[in-house]
Protein backbone atom coordinates (compact mmCIF):
# COMPACT_ATOMS: atom_id res chain seq x y z
CA UNK A 1 154.78 63.79 58.40
CA UNK A 2 157.00 65.44 55.78
CA UNK A 3 155.76 66.20 52.28
CA UNK A 4 156.15 63.23 49.99
CA UNK A 5 155.58 60.71 52.77
CA UNK A 6 153.65 57.51 52.07
CA UNK A 7 151.28 56.50 54.88
CA UNK A 8 149.32 53.41 55.89
CA UNK A 9 146.04 54.55 57.46
CA UNK A 10 144.63 51.96 59.84
CA UNK A 11 140.84 51.86 59.63
CA UNK A 12 138.59 49.50 61.58
CA UNK A 13 135.31 50.97 60.38
CA UNK A 14 134.71 52.82 63.65
CA UNK A 15 134.01 56.54 63.66
CA UNK A 16 137.48 57.69 64.68
CA UNK A 17 139.45 55.74 62.08
CA UNK A 18 136.87 56.43 59.35
CA UNK A 19 137.16 60.14 60.13
CA UNK A 20 140.94 59.83 59.85
CA UNK A 21 140.70 58.22 56.41
CA UNK A 22 138.22 60.81 55.15
CA UNK A 23 140.25 63.71 56.54
CA UNK A 24 143.45 62.31 55.02
CA UNK A 25 141.76 62.09 51.64
CA UNK A 26 140.58 65.70 51.87
CA UNK A 27 143.98 67.00 53.02
CA UNK A 28 146.36 64.71 51.13
CA UNK A 29 147.08 67.22 48.39
CA UNK A 30 147.66 70.09 50.82
CA UNK A 31 149.81 67.86 53.03
CA UNK A 32 151.71 66.46 50.07
CA UNK A 33 151.29 62.86 51.23
CA UNK A 34 149.95 59.67 49.69
CA UNK A 35 148.27 56.88 51.61
CA UNK A 36 146.62 53.50 51.51
CA UNK A 37 143.85 52.24 53.78
CA UNK A 38 144.32 49.04 55.77
CA UNK A 39 141.87 47.12 57.94
CA UNK A 40 142.71 44.33 60.37
CA UNK A 41 140.42 41.35 60.99
CA UNK A 42 141.28 39.88 64.39
CA UNK A 43 138.96 36.92 63.90
CA UNK A 44 137.14 37.76 67.13
CA UNK A 45 133.74 38.88 65.82
CA UNK A 46 131.77 37.59 62.81
CA UNK A 47 130.67 41.18 62.07
CA UNK A 48 134.26 42.27 61.50
CA UNK A 49 134.36 40.94 57.92
CA UNK A 50 131.28 42.99 56.97
CA UNK A 51 132.73 46.07 58.66
CA UNK A 52 135.92 45.72 56.65
CA UNK A 53 133.84 45.30 53.49
CA UNK A 54 132.43 48.76 54.23
CA UNK A 55 135.94 50.10 54.87
CA UNK A 56 137.02 48.71 51.51
CA UNK A 57 134.06 50.42 49.86
CA UNK A 58 135.01 53.68 51.59
CA UNK A 59 138.60 53.36 50.33
CA UNK A 60 137.28 52.90 46.81
CA UNK A 61 135.15 56.06 47.12
CA UNK A 62 138.22 57.91 48.36
CA UNK A 63 140.25 56.57 45.46
CA UNK A 64 142.74 54.79 47.71
CA UNK A 65 144.09 51.20 47.67
CA UNK A 66 142.76 48.94 50.41
CA UNK A 67 144.60 46.15 52.21
CA UNK A 68 142.77 43.59 54.33
CA UNK A 69 144.98 42.04 57.00
CA UNK A 70 144.12 38.97 59.08
CA UNK A 71 145.74 38.14 62.39
CA UNK A 72 145.40 35.44 65.05
CA UNK A 73 145.17 36.32 68.71
CA UNK A 74 147.07 34.17 71.17
CA UNK A 75 146.24 33.45 74.78
CA UNK A 76 146.34 36.21 77.38
CA UNK A 77 144.72 39.59 77.80
CA UNK A 78 142.39 39.82 74.80
CA UNK A 79 142.58 43.56 74.15
CA UNK A 80 146.33 43.73 74.68
CA UNK A 81 146.98 40.77 72.39
CA UNK A 82 144.66 42.19 69.73
CA UNK A 83 146.45 45.55 69.91
CA UNK A 84 149.88 43.92 69.60
CA UNK A 85 148.78 41.83 66.62
CA UNK A 86 147.12 44.82 64.95
CA UNK A 87 150.17 47.05 65.19
CA UNK A 88 152.45 44.24 64.04
CA UNK A 89 150.27 43.68 60.96
CA UNK A 90 150.03 47.38 60.09
CA UNK A 91 153.76 47.98 60.58
CA UNK A 92 154.53 44.86 58.53
CA UNK A 93 152.40 46.20 55.68
CA UNK A 94 154.11 49.58 55.96
CA UNK A 95 157.52 47.93 55.58
CA UNK A 96 156.35 46.01 52.52
CA UNK A 97 155.02 49.21 50.94
CA UNK A 98 158.06 51.27 51.95
CA UNK A 99 155.73 53.55 53.94
CA UNK A 100 157.49 55.28 56.86
CA UNK A 101 154.27 56.00 58.76
CA UNK A 102 151.22 54.18 60.09
CA UNK A 103 148.43 56.59 61.04
CA UNK A 104 145.82 55.52 63.60
CA UNK A 105 142.71 57.29 64.83
CA UNK A 106 143.27 57.83 68.55
CA UNK A 107 141.57 60.93 69.93
CA UNK A 108 141.83 63.28 72.88
CA UNK A 109 139.21 61.12 74.62
CA UNK A 110 141.46 58.07 74.15
CA UNK A 111 144.37 60.05 75.57
CA UNK A 112 142.38 61.01 78.67
CA UNK A 113 141.33 57.38 79.19
CA UNK A 114 144.94 56.23 78.83
CA UNK A 115 146.08 58.75 81.44
CA UNK A 116 143.43 57.56 83.91
CA UNK A 117 144.26 53.90 83.32
CA UNK A 118 147.95 54.65 83.84
CA UNK A 119 147.31 56.48 87.10
CA UNK A 120 144.97 53.80 88.43
CA UNK A 121 147.46 51.04 87.57
CA UNK A 122 150.33 52.89 89.19
CA UNK A 123 152.29 53.14 85.95
CA UNK A 124 155.33 55.36 85.61
CA UNK A 125 154.23 58.90 84.61
CA UNK A 126 155.78 58.71 81.14
CA UNK A 127 153.47 55.76 80.41
CA UNK A 128 150.33 57.69 81.28
CA UNK A 129 149.64 58.97 77.79
CA UNK A 130 150.13 58.10 74.12
CA UNK A 131 152.75 59.78 71.97
CA UNK A 132 151.60 61.68 68.89
CA UNK A 133 154.50 60.03 67.08
CA UNK A 134 156.20 56.79 68.07
CA UNK A 135 159.73 55.77 67.22
CA UNK A 136 158.45 52.91 65.02
CA UNK A 137 156.54 55.30 62.74
CA UNK A 138 153.06 55.07 64.27
CA UNK A 139 151.47 58.54 64.25
CA UNK A 140 148.23 59.79 65.81
CA UNK A 141 147.09 62.87 63.86
CA UNK A 142 143.77 63.16 65.72
CA UNK A 143 145.15 63.12 69.25
CA UNK A 144 143.93 66.67 69.82
CA UNK A 145 140.40 66.00 68.50
CA UNK A 146 137.32 65.02 70.48
CA UNK A 147 135.28 61.97 69.51
CA UNK A 148 132.12 64.04 69.29
CA UNK A 149 133.77 66.44 66.84
CA UNK A 150 134.83 63.57 64.58
CA UNK A 151 131.30 62.17 64.52
CA UNK A 152 129.96 65.59 63.64
CA UNK A 153 132.56 65.79 60.86
CA UNK A 154 131.37 62.46 59.43
CA UNK A 155 127.70 63.40 59.66
CA UNK A 156 128.42 66.63 57.79
CA UNK A 157 129.74 64.49 54.93
CA UNK A 158 127.04 61.80 55.18
CA UNK A 159 129.63 59.13 55.97
CA UNK A 160 128.50 56.17 58.09
CA UNK A 161 130.57 54.18 60.55
CA UNK A 162 130.28 50.98 62.58
CA UNK A 163 129.98 50.69 66.35
CA UNK A 164 132.13 47.98 67.95
CA UNK A 165 130.08 46.32 70.75
CA UNK A 166 133.28 45.76 72.75
CA UNK A 167 133.35 49.53 73.33
CA UNK A 168 130.45 49.01 75.73
CA UNK A 169 131.63 45.73 77.29
CA UNK A 170 132.28 46.46 80.97
CA UNK A 171 134.50 43.37 81.23
CA UNK A 172 137.23 45.57 79.78
CA UNK A 173 139.00 47.98 82.08
CA UNK A 174 139.12 50.79 79.52
CA UNK A 175 135.35 50.65 79.08
CA UNK A 176 134.84 50.99 82.84
CA UNK A 177 137.22 53.94 82.89
CA UNK A 178 135.40 55.47 79.91
CA UNK A 179 132.19 55.43 81.89
CA UNK A 180 133.83 57.76 84.43
CA UNK A 181 134.48 60.51 81.89
CA UNK A 182 130.99 62.10 81.88
CA UNK A 183 131.20 62.53 85.66
CA UNK A 184 134.57 64.25 85.29
CA UNK A 185 133.21 66.55 82.60
CA UNK A 186 130.27 67.39 84.85
CA UNK A 187 132.84 68.75 87.32
CA UNK A 188 134.76 70.60 84.63
CA UNK A 189 133.79 70.66 80.92
CA UNK A 190 137.51 70.70 80.04
CA UNK A 191 138.47 67.83 82.33
CA UNK A 192 139.52 65.55 79.47
CA UNK A 193 141.61 68.29 77.91
CA UNK A 194 143.34 68.83 81.26
CA UNK A 195 144.15 65.11 81.49
CA UNK A 196 145.56 65.07 77.96
CA UNK A 197 147.61 68.20 78.66
CA UNK A 198 148.95 66.62 81.84
CA UNK A 199 150.25 63.66 79.84
CA UNK A 200 152.19 65.98 77.56
CA UNK A 201 153.62 68.03 80.41
CA UNK A 202 154.62 64.95 82.40
CA UNK A 203 156.26 63.45 79.33
CA UNK A 204 158.34 66.59 78.84
CA UNK A 205 159.32 66.64 82.51
CA UNK A 206 160.27 62.96 82.40
CA UNK A 207 162.64 63.59 79.51
CA UNK A 208 164.47 66.09 81.70
CA UNK A 209 164.54 63.66 84.65
CA UNK A 210 165.85 60.86 82.42
CA UNK A 211 168.70 63.09 81.24
CA UNK A 212 169.63 64.02 84.82
CA UNK A 213 169.29 60.39 85.90
CA UNK A 214 171.65 59.25 83.15
CA UNK A 215 174.24 61.79 84.28
CA UNK A 216 173.85 60.76 87.92
CA UNK A 217 174.30 57.11 86.94
CA UNK A 218 177.45 57.94 84.99
CA UNK A 219 178.90 59.81 88.00
CA UNK A 220 178.05 56.94 90.36
CA UNK A 221 179.53 54.09 88.33
CA UNK A 222 182.28 52.18 90.07
CA UNK A 223 183.45 49.71 87.48
CA UNK A 224 181.17 47.34 85.58
CA UNK A 225 179.23 45.99 88.58
CA UNK A 226 179.01 48.68 91.22
CA UNK A 227 177.72 52.16 92.04
CA UNK A 228 179.19 54.68 94.49
CA UNK A 229 176.59 55.87 96.99
CA UNK A 230 177.89 59.44 97.27
CA UNK A 231 176.64 60.80 93.91
CA UNK A 232 173.32 59.02 94.39
CA UNK A 233 172.62 60.27 97.92
CA UNK A 234 173.26 63.94 97.05
CA UNK A 235 170.96 63.78 94.01
CA UNK A 236 167.26 64.68 94.28
CA UNK A 237 165.18 61.59 95.02
CA UNK A 238 163.51 61.57 91.60
CA UNK A 239 166.90 61.77 89.87
CA UNK A 240 168.38 59.07 92.14
CA UNK A 241 165.48 56.75 91.39
CA UNK A 242 165.88 57.35 87.66
CA UNK A 243 169.59 56.48 87.89
CA UNK A 244 168.78 53.30 89.82
CA UNK A 245 166.05 52.42 87.36
CA UNK A 246 168.53 52.74 84.52
CA UNK A 247 171.05 50.52 86.28
CA UNK A 248 168.45 47.88 87.11
CA UNK A 249 167.38 47.90 83.45
CA UNK A 250 170.95 47.07 82.49
CA UNK A 251 171.12 44.23 85.00
CA UNK A 252 167.62 42.74 84.68
CA UNK A 253 165.69 44.35 81.85
CA UNK A 254 162.86 46.85 82.31
CA UNK A 255 162.21 46.93 86.08
CA UNK A 256 158.86 47.30 87.80
CA UNK A 257 158.24 50.14 90.23
CA UNK A 258 158.47 47.89 93.29
CA UNK A 259 161.93 46.74 92.22
CA UNK A 260 163.11 50.35 91.89
CA UNK A 261 161.55 51.05 95.31
CA UNK A 262 163.49 48.14 96.81
CA UNK A 263 166.80 49.31 95.34
CA UNK A 264 166.13 52.87 96.46
CA UNK A 265 165.50 51.63 100.03
CA UNK A 266 168.74 49.64 99.90
CA UNK A 267 170.57 52.75 98.69
CA UNK A 268 169.25 55.12 101.34
CA UNK A 269 169.24 52.69 104.30
CA UNK A 270 172.49 50.95 103.27
CA UNK A 271 171.12 47.79 104.88
CA UNK A 272 169.97 44.42 103.54
CA UNK A 273 170.28 43.07 100.03
CA UNK A 274 168.32 42.89 96.80
CA UNK A 275 168.16 39.48 95.13
CA UNK A 276 168.27 39.33 91.35
CA UNK A 277 167.73 36.54 88.86
CA UNK A 278 170.41 33.92 88.47
CA UNK A 279 171.34 33.86 92.15
CA UNK A 280 172.86 37.33 92.11
CA UNK A 281 172.41 40.00 94.77
CA UNK A 282 173.03 43.71 95.30
CA UNK A 283 174.52 44.80 98.64
CA UNK A 284 176.12 47.91 100.11
CA UNK A 285 179.82 47.41 100.83
CA UNK A 286 182.26 50.21 101.74
CA UNK A 287 180.10 53.01 100.36
CA UNK A 288 179.18 51.21 97.16
CA UNK A 289 176.31 49.12 95.87
CA UNK A 290 177.99 46.00 94.54
CA UNK A 291 176.75 43.06 92.51
CA UNK A 292 177.69 39.66 93.85
CA UNK A 293 176.42 36.16 94.40
CA UNK A 294 173.30 35.80 96.52
CA UNK A 295 171.90 33.02 98.69
CA UNK A 296 169.83 30.29 97.10
CA UNK A 297 166.44 31.57 96.04
CA UNK A 298 163.31 30.04 97.52
CA UNK A 299 160.70 28.63 95.21
CA UNK A 300 158.48 31.69 95.78
CA UNK A 301 161.32 34.00 94.72
CA UNK A 302 162.39 32.27 91.52
CA UNK A 303 161.61 34.05 88.29
CA UNK A 304 159.98 37.00 89.98
CA UNK A 305 162.59 39.66 89.41
CA UNK A 306 164.39 41.52 92.21
CA UNK A 307 163.46 40.61 95.78
CA UNK A 308 164.52 42.59 98.84
CA UNK A 309 165.68 40.90 102.03
């Protein structure tokens, strides 16, 4: 964050975000930044209002304005919907205050958990970890800090925090993954650091692959609705897949891994077809992958993205 920046600090009342607010207050002058504190009430727990009362009191002690934001959570995955609503509320406040940044309290422990969840779900490597700075202005200043260190920091300043019971609710996938971390640290005390470092290294490598994939896609283009096989087949597999992923994204929106797999099989085998939405299909004709009309989709295929045949 450059000097002179105005920042919205998201604070739930938990240890990590409270530590972020306290640290920002102590370092604001040295950093040359100003900030406000904001708390989001998701309406999911009756205790949340009291926790935000304590956050408001903390903001007053720190001499910072406090903004209480209320959101409604729609149907679907509870944690995911709550996260989406929270970020939308914080970013909306930042726009109203002309604040370019929203700071949140994710830690190295959170990064390690995110990497494990990404691996277990089979996500693309670039989605394994969290970025220290997102394109929309969300920043994570504590991403290199351990949870235990932040709690020690708060205890040294006699600052209290709240414990969210959902952090121990094994119905949530992240909580179950979190319970694995002590076993990993028993194998190697720096296991979580290694996971966080892996996320950064993979992200850097993926940026290189994306650049090569974009160039391979440009070389392979054969008009608006076709790709020449030659440039794709001589490219390394990871670069070829990145080029195909980029093309599928143009045709269908962000593709899932299985859809990229299906197009890659079509490219290398040069047999079969890949059905897309709207009755379209990709086929190999005369050394090119071409987009054309496909056969009628069955009920099981409709709306499900690309389907190989």
